[in-house]
N, C-alpha and C. Protein backbone atom coordinates (compact mmCIF):
# COMPACT_ATOMS: atom_id res chain seq x y z
N MET A 1 1.48 7.38 6.12
CA MET A 1 0.56 8.07 5.25
C MET A 1 -0.42 7.07 4.65
N SER A 2 -1.68 7.38 4.74
CA SER A 2 -2.71 6.53 4.17
C SER A 2 -2.98 6.96 2.74
N ILE A 3 -2.93 6.02 1.83
CA ILE A 3 -3.17 6.31 0.43
C ILE A 3 -4.44 5.60 0.00
N THR A 4 -5.34 6.34 -0.65
CA THR A 4 -6.58 5.78 -1.13
C THR A 4 -6.60 5.91 -2.64
N LEU A 5 -6.88 4.81 -3.33
CA LEU A 5 -6.89 4.79 -4.79
C LEU A 5 -8.30 4.47 -5.29
N ASN A 6 -9.19 5.44 -5.08
CA ASN A 6 -10.60 5.26 -5.44
C ASN A 6 -10.80 5.00 -6.94
N GLN A 7 -10.13 5.78 -7.77
CA GLN A 7 -10.33 5.63 -9.21
C GLN A 7 -9.84 4.27 -9.72
N SER A 8 -8.72 3.80 -9.12
CA SER A 8 -8.20 2.49 -9.51
C SER A 8 -9.18 1.40 -9.13
N LEU A 9 -9.72 1.48 -7.93
CA LEU A 9 -10.70 0.50 -7.51
C LEU A 9 -11.91 0.51 -8.42
N GLN A 10 -12.40 1.69 -8.77
CA GLN A 10 -13.57 1.80 -9.63
C GLN A 10 -13.31 1.25 -11.03
N SER A 11 -12.06 1.32 -11.48
CA SER A 11 -11.76 0.85 -12.83
C SER A 11 -11.31 -0.61 -12.88
N TRP A 12 -11.28 -1.27 -11.72
CA TRP A 12 -10.86 -2.68 -11.69
C TRP A 12 -11.76 -3.51 -12.61
N ASN A 13 -11.16 -4.45 -13.29
CA ASN A 13 -11.84 -5.34 -14.24
C ASN A 13 -12.35 -4.59 -15.47
N THR A 14 -11.72 -3.46 -15.79
CA THR A 14 -11.99 -2.79 -17.05
C THR A 14 -10.69 -2.70 -17.83
N GLN A 15 -10.78 -2.39 -19.10
CA GLN A 15 -9.58 -2.25 -19.92
C GLN A 15 -8.74 -1.04 -19.49
N GLY A 16 -9.35 -0.09 -18.81
CA GLY A 16 -8.64 1.11 -18.41
C GLY A 16 -7.93 1.05 -17.08
N PHE A 17 -7.92 -0.12 -16.41
CA PHE A 17 -7.33 -0.21 -15.09
C PHE A 17 -5.86 0.20 -15.09
N GLY A 18 -5.06 -0.33 -16.01
CA GLY A 18 -3.63 -0.02 -16.03
C GLY A 18 -3.34 1.46 -16.17
N LYS A 19 -4.06 2.11 -17.08
CA LYS A 19 -3.88 3.54 -17.27
C LYS A 19 -4.33 4.33 -16.04
N THR A 20 -5.45 3.90 -15.45
CA THR A 20 -5.98 4.60 -14.29
C THR A 20 -5.04 4.52 -13.10
N ILE A 21 -4.51 3.36 -12.81
CA ILE A 21 -3.62 3.25 -11.64
C ILE A 21 -2.34 4.02 -11.88
N CYS A 22 -1.83 4.03 -13.09
CA CYS A 22 -0.63 4.82 -13.41
C CYS A 22 -0.89 6.31 -13.20
N ASN A 23 -2.01 6.78 -13.71
CA ASN A 23 -2.36 8.21 -13.55
C ASN A 23 -2.55 8.55 -12.08
N GLU A 24 -3.25 7.71 -11.35
CA GLU A 24 -3.52 8.01 -9.95
C GLU A 24 -2.24 8.03 -9.11
N LEU A 25 -1.33 7.10 -9.38
CA LEU A 25 -0.05 7.09 -8.66
C LEU A 25 0.80 8.29 -9.04
N SER A 26 0.78 8.69 -10.29
CA SER A 26 1.56 9.84 -10.75
C SER A 26 1.10 11.15 -10.11
N LEU A 27 -0.16 11.22 -9.74
CA LEU A 27 -0.73 12.45 -9.17
C LEU A 27 -0.66 12.51 -7.65
N LEU A 28 -0.10 11.48 -7.01
CA LEU A 28 0.03 11.52 -5.55
C LEU A 28 1.01 12.62 -5.15
N PRO A 29 0.86 13.20 -3.98
CA PRO A 29 1.80 14.22 -3.53
C PRO A 29 3.23 13.65 -3.41
N PRO A 30 4.25 14.49 -3.65
CA PRO A 30 5.62 14.02 -3.47
C PRO A 30 5.83 13.40 -2.10
N GLY A 31 6.58 12.31 -2.07
CA GLY A 31 6.84 11.62 -0.82
C GLY A 31 5.83 10.53 -0.49
N SER A 32 4.80 10.37 -1.30
CA SER A 32 3.76 9.37 -1.04
C SER A 32 4.21 7.95 -1.35
N LEU A 33 5.07 7.81 -2.35
CA LEU A 33 5.56 6.48 -2.74
C LEU A 33 6.90 6.19 -2.04
N PRO A 34 7.19 4.94 -1.73
CA PRO A 34 8.42 4.58 -1.01
C PRO A 34 9.66 4.55 -1.92
N LEU A 35 9.84 5.59 -2.72
CA LEU A 35 10.95 5.61 -3.68
C LEU A 35 12.30 5.75 -2.98
N HIS A 36 12.32 6.34 -1.79
CA HIS A 36 13.59 6.49 -1.06
C HIS A 36 14.23 5.13 -0.78
N GLU A 37 13.44 4.09 -0.72
CA GLU A 37 13.97 2.75 -0.49
C GLU A 37 14.70 2.19 -1.71
N ALA A 38 14.51 2.83 -2.84
CA ALA A 38 15.12 2.36 -4.10
C ALA A 38 16.33 3.15 -4.52
N THR A 39 16.75 4.15 -3.74
CA THR A 39 17.92 4.92 -4.14
C THR A 39 19.17 4.04 -4.02
N THR A 40 20.09 4.19 -4.92
CA THR A 40 21.29 3.36 -4.94
C THR A 40 22.57 4.16 -4.77
N LEU A 41 22.48 5.49 -4.83
CA LEU A 41 23.68 6.32 -4.77
C LEU A 41 23.76 7.13 -3.49
N GLY A 42 22.84 6.85 -2.57
CA GLY A 42 22.83 7.59 -1.30
C GLY A 42 22.25 8.97 -1.42
N GLY A 43 21.52 9.21 -2.48
CA GLY A 43 20.95 10.53 -2.71
C GLY A 43 19.53 10.68 -2.24
N GLN A 44 18.96 11.79 -2.60
CA GLN A 44 17.58 12.11 -2.26
C GLN A 44 16.69 11.90 -3.49
N VAL A 45 15.45 11.57 -3.25
CA VAL A 45 14.50 11.37 -4.33
C VAL A 45 13.91 12.69 -4.79
N ASP A 46 13.93 12.91 -6.09
CA ASP A 46 13.17 13.99 -6.70
C ASP A 46 12.02 13.34 -7.42
N ASP A 47 10.88 13.27 -6.74
CA ASP A 47 9.73 12.61 -7.35
C ASP A 47 8.70 13.62 -7.86
N SER A 48 9.19 14.79 -8.24
CA SER A 48 8.31 15.80 -8.80
C SER A 48 7.86 15.47 -10.21
N ASP A 49 8.58 14.56 -10.86
CA ASP A 49 8.23 14.14 -12.22
C ASP A 49 8.52 12.67 -12.36
N ILE A 50 7.55 11.84 -11.97
CA ILE A 50 7.75 10.40 -12.07
C ILE A 50 6.99 9.85 -13.27
N SER A 51 7.43 8.69 -13.71
CA SER A 51 6.76 7.98 -14.78
C SER A 51 6.40 6.60 -14.27
N VAL A 52 5.14 6.21 -14.43
CA VAL A 52 4.67 4.92 -13.93
C VAL A 52 4.21 4.06 -15.08
N ILE A 53 4.66 2.81 -15.11
CA ILE A 53 4.27 1.87 -16.14
C ILE A 53 3.61 0.66 -15.48
N PHE A 54 2.42 0.35 -15.91
CA PHE A 54 1.67 -0.80 -15.39
C PHE A 54 2.27 -2.10 -15.90
N LEU A 55 2.47 -3.06 -15.00
CA LEU A 55 3.02 -4.35 -15.38
C LEU A 55 1.95 -5.44 -15.41
N ARG A 56 1.25 -5.63 -14.26
CA ARG A 56 0.27 -6.71 -14.17
C ARG A 56 -0.58 -6.51 -12.92
N ALA A 57 -1.69 -7.23 -12.86
CA ALA A 57 -2.55 -7.18 -11.69
C ALA A 57 -3.37 -8.45 -11.59
N SER A 58 -3.75 -8.78 -10.37
CA SER A 58 -4.63 -9.90 -10.10
C SER A 58 -5.44 -9.51 -8.87
N ASP A 59 -6.36 -10.38 -8.48
CA ASP A 59 -7.12 -10.09 -7.28
C ASP A 59 -7.52 -11.35 -6.55
N ASN A 60 -7.95 -11.16 -5.32
CA ASN A 60 -8.58 -12.23 -4.56
C ASN A 60 -9.86 -11.60 -3.98
N THR A 61 -10.48 -12.26 -3.05
CA THR A 61 -11.74 -11.73 -2.55
C THR A 61 -11.62 -10.39 -1.86
N SER A 62 -10.46 -10.07 -1.30
CA SER A 62 -10.31 -8.84 -0.52
C SER A 62 -9.47 -7.75 -1.17
N TYR A 63 -8.50 -8.12 -1.98
CA TYR A 63 -7.53 -7.14 -2.48
C TYR A 63 -7.28 -7.26 -3.97
N ILE A 64 -6.97 -6.12 -4.58
CA ILE A 64 -6.39 -6.06 -5.91
C ILE A 64 -4.89 -5.96 -5.70
N ASN A 65 -4.14 -6.80 -6.37
CA ASN A 65 -2.68 -6.80 -6.25
C ASN A 65 -2.09 -6.37 -7.59
N ALA A 66 -1.49 -5.20 -7.62
CA ALA A 66 -0.94 -4.65 -8.87
C ALA A 66 0.56 -4.45 -8.74
N GLU A 67 1.25 -4.52 -9.87
CA GLU A 67 2.68 -4.25 -9.93
C GLU A 67 2.94 -3.21 -10.99
N VAL A 68 3.80 -2.24 -10.64
CA VAL A 68 4.13 -1.16 -11.58
C VAL A 68 5.63 -0.90 -11.51
N ASP A 69 6.17 -0.36 -12.60
CA ASP A 69 7.52 0.18 -12.64
C ASP A 69 7.42 1.68 -12.44
N VAL A 70 8.34 2.24 -11.67
CA VAL A 70 8.36 3.68 -11.47
C VAL A 70 9.76 4.20 -11.82
N PHE A 71 9.80 5.23 -12.66
CA PHE A 71 11.04 5.88 -13.04
C PHE A 71 11.02 7.27 -12.42
N PHE A 72 12.13 7.64 -11.78
CA PHE A 72 12.22 8.92 -11.10
C PHE A 72 13.69 9.38 -11.11
N THR A 73 13.96 10.51 -10.50
CA THR A 73 15.32 11.04 -10.45
C THR A 73 15.85 10.98 -9.03
N GLU A 74 17.06 10.49 -8.90
CA GLU A 74 17.78 10.53 -7.62
C GLU A 74 18.83 11.63 -7.72
N VAL A 75 18.83 12.53 -6.76
CA VAL A 75 19.78 13.65 -6.75
C VAL A 75 20.80 13.36 -5.65
N PHE A 76 22.07 13.41 -6.02
CA PHE A 76 23.12 13.09 -5.04
C PHE A 76 24.27 14.06 -5.14
N ALA A 77 25.03 14.13 -4.07
CA ALA A 77 26.24 14.96 -4.05
C ALA A 77 27.35 14.17 -4.72
N GLY A 78 28.08 14.83 -5.58
CA GLY A 78 29.14 14.15 -6.34
C GLY A 78 30.49 14.31 -5.69
N CYS A 79 31.44 14.79 -6.47
CA CYS A 79 32.84 14.86 -6.02
C CYS A 79 33.27 16.26 -5.60
N SER A 80 32.34 17.13 -5.30
CA SER A 80 32.63 18.53 -4.94
C SER A 80 33.32 19.26 -6.08
N CYS A 81 32.89 19.00 -7.28
CA CYS A 81 33.49 19.61 -8.47
C CYS A 81 32.82 20.90 -8.89
N GLY A 82 31.79 21.30 -8.15
CA GLY A 82 31.13 22.55 -8.47
C GLY A 82 29.87 22.42 -9.27
N ASP A 83 29.58 21.22 -9.81
CA ASP A 83 28.35 21.07 -10.59
C ASP A 83 27.36 20.16 -9.85
N GLU A 84 27.30 20.37 -8.54
CA GLU A 84 26.38 19.57 -7.74
C GLU A 84 25.10 20.34 -7.48
N PRO A 85 24.04 19.76 -7.08
CA PRO A 85 23.85 18.30 -6.99
C PRO A 85 23.70 17.68 -8.37
N MET A 86 23.98 16.40 -8.43
CA MET A 86 23.94 15.69 -9.71
C MET A 86 22.72 14.78 -9.76
N PRO A 87 21.95 14.85 -10.83
CA PRO A 87 20.80 13.95 -10.97
C PRO A 87 21.19 12.64 -11.63
N ALA A 88 20.50 11.59 -11.27
CA ALA A 88 20.70 10.29 -11.89
C ALA A 88 19.33 9.64 -12.08
N HIS A 89 19.18 8.94 -13.19
CA HIS A 89 17.95 8.23 -13.43
C HIS A 89 17.84 7.06 -12.46
N ALA A 90 16.65 6.84 -11.93
CA ALA A 90 16.44 5.73 -10.99
C ALA A 90 15.13 5.02 -11.35
N HIS A 91 15.04 3.80 -10.86
CA HIS A 91 13.91 2.93 -11.21
C HIS A 91 13.63 1.96 -10.08
N CYS A 92 12.38 1.63 -9.90
CA CYS A 92 12.03 0.56 -8.97
C CYS A 92 10.71 -0.06 -9.40
N GLU A 93 10.43 -1.22 -8.83
CA GLU A 93 9.16 -1.89 -9.05
C GLU A 93 8.41 -1.87 -7.73
N LEU A 94 7.13 -1.48 -7.80
CA LEU A 94 6.30 -1.40 -6.61
C LEU A 94 5.16 -2.42 -6.68
N ILE A 95 4.80 -2.92 -5.52
CA ILE A 95 3.65 -3.79 -5.37
C ILE A 95 2.58 -3.01 -4.62
N ILE A 96 1.40 -2.92 -5.21
CA ILE A 96 0.30 -2.16 -4.63
C ILE A 96 -0.83 -3.10 -4.31
N ASN A 97 -1.27 -3.10 -3.05
CA ASN A 97 -2.42 -3.90 -2.62
C ASN A 97 -3.53 -2.95 -2.27
N ILE A 98 -4.63 -3.03 -3.01
CA ILE A 98 -5.77 -2.14 -2.83
C ILE A 98 -6.93 -2.92 -2.18
N ASP A 99 -7.37 -2.47 -1.04
CA ASP A 99 -8.50 -3.07 -0.35
C ASP A 99 -9.77 -2.81 -1.18
N LYS A 100 -10.49 -3.87 -1.53
CA LYS A 100 -11.66 -3.72 -2.39
C LYS A 100 -12.85 -3.03 -1.70
N ARG A 101 -12.86 -2.97 -0.39
CA ARG A 101 -13.96 -2.30 0.30
C ARG A 101 -13.69 -0.81 0.51
N SER A 102 -12.46 -0.46 0.86
CA SER A 102 -12.15 0.93 1.26
C SER A 102 -11.32 1.70 0.24
N ALA A 103 -10.69 1.00 -0.70
CA ALA A 103 -9.76 1.59 -1.69
C ALA A 103 -8.45 2.01 -1.04
N ARG A 104 -8.25 1.72 0.24
CA ARG A 104 -6.96 2.02 0.87
C ARG A 104 -5.90 1.09 0.31
N ALA A 105 -4.74 1.66 0.08
CA ALA A 105 -3.67 0.92 -0.57
C ALA A 105 -2.40 0.87 0.28
N SER A 106 -1.77 -0.28 0.27
CA SER A 106 -0.41 -0.38 0.81
C SER A 106 0.52 -0.50 -0.40
N ILE A 107 1.63 0.22 -0.32
CA ILE A 107 2.57 0.26 -1.45
C ILE A 107 3.94 -0.09 -0.92
N ASN A 108 4.55 -1.13 -1.51
CA ASN A 108 5.85 -1.60 -1.07
C ASN A 108 6.78 -1.83 -2.24
N LEU A 109 8.06 -1.67 -1.96
CA LEU A 109 9.09 -1.95 -2.94
C LEU A 109 9.16 -3.46 -3.18
N ARG A 110 9.29 -3.85 -4.41
CA ARG A 110 9.41 -5.28 -4.72
C ARG A 110 10.81 -5.72 -4.45
């Protein structure tokens, strides 16, 4: 899936960059972020309500390199006790590289 972060690119080098990238990532369709790589209980990702926190960013001539924390819910099967599926809080750190010419972004688990 190709992800384009136009608003983040436009806000680069402004005070609003952190807020913009968090908002733009939060509004991506479910399944757009590689959160499944961060599950620890063997469950499925429920990314219908994620929270993104901006950590830091830098750039070079070609790319903006940003890091964010993402909080989401992992849903897993428990012990067959009747109250399944069970949700668990989950977290990961993502590295986002945004091409300065096209706004296309690669997003990877840290």
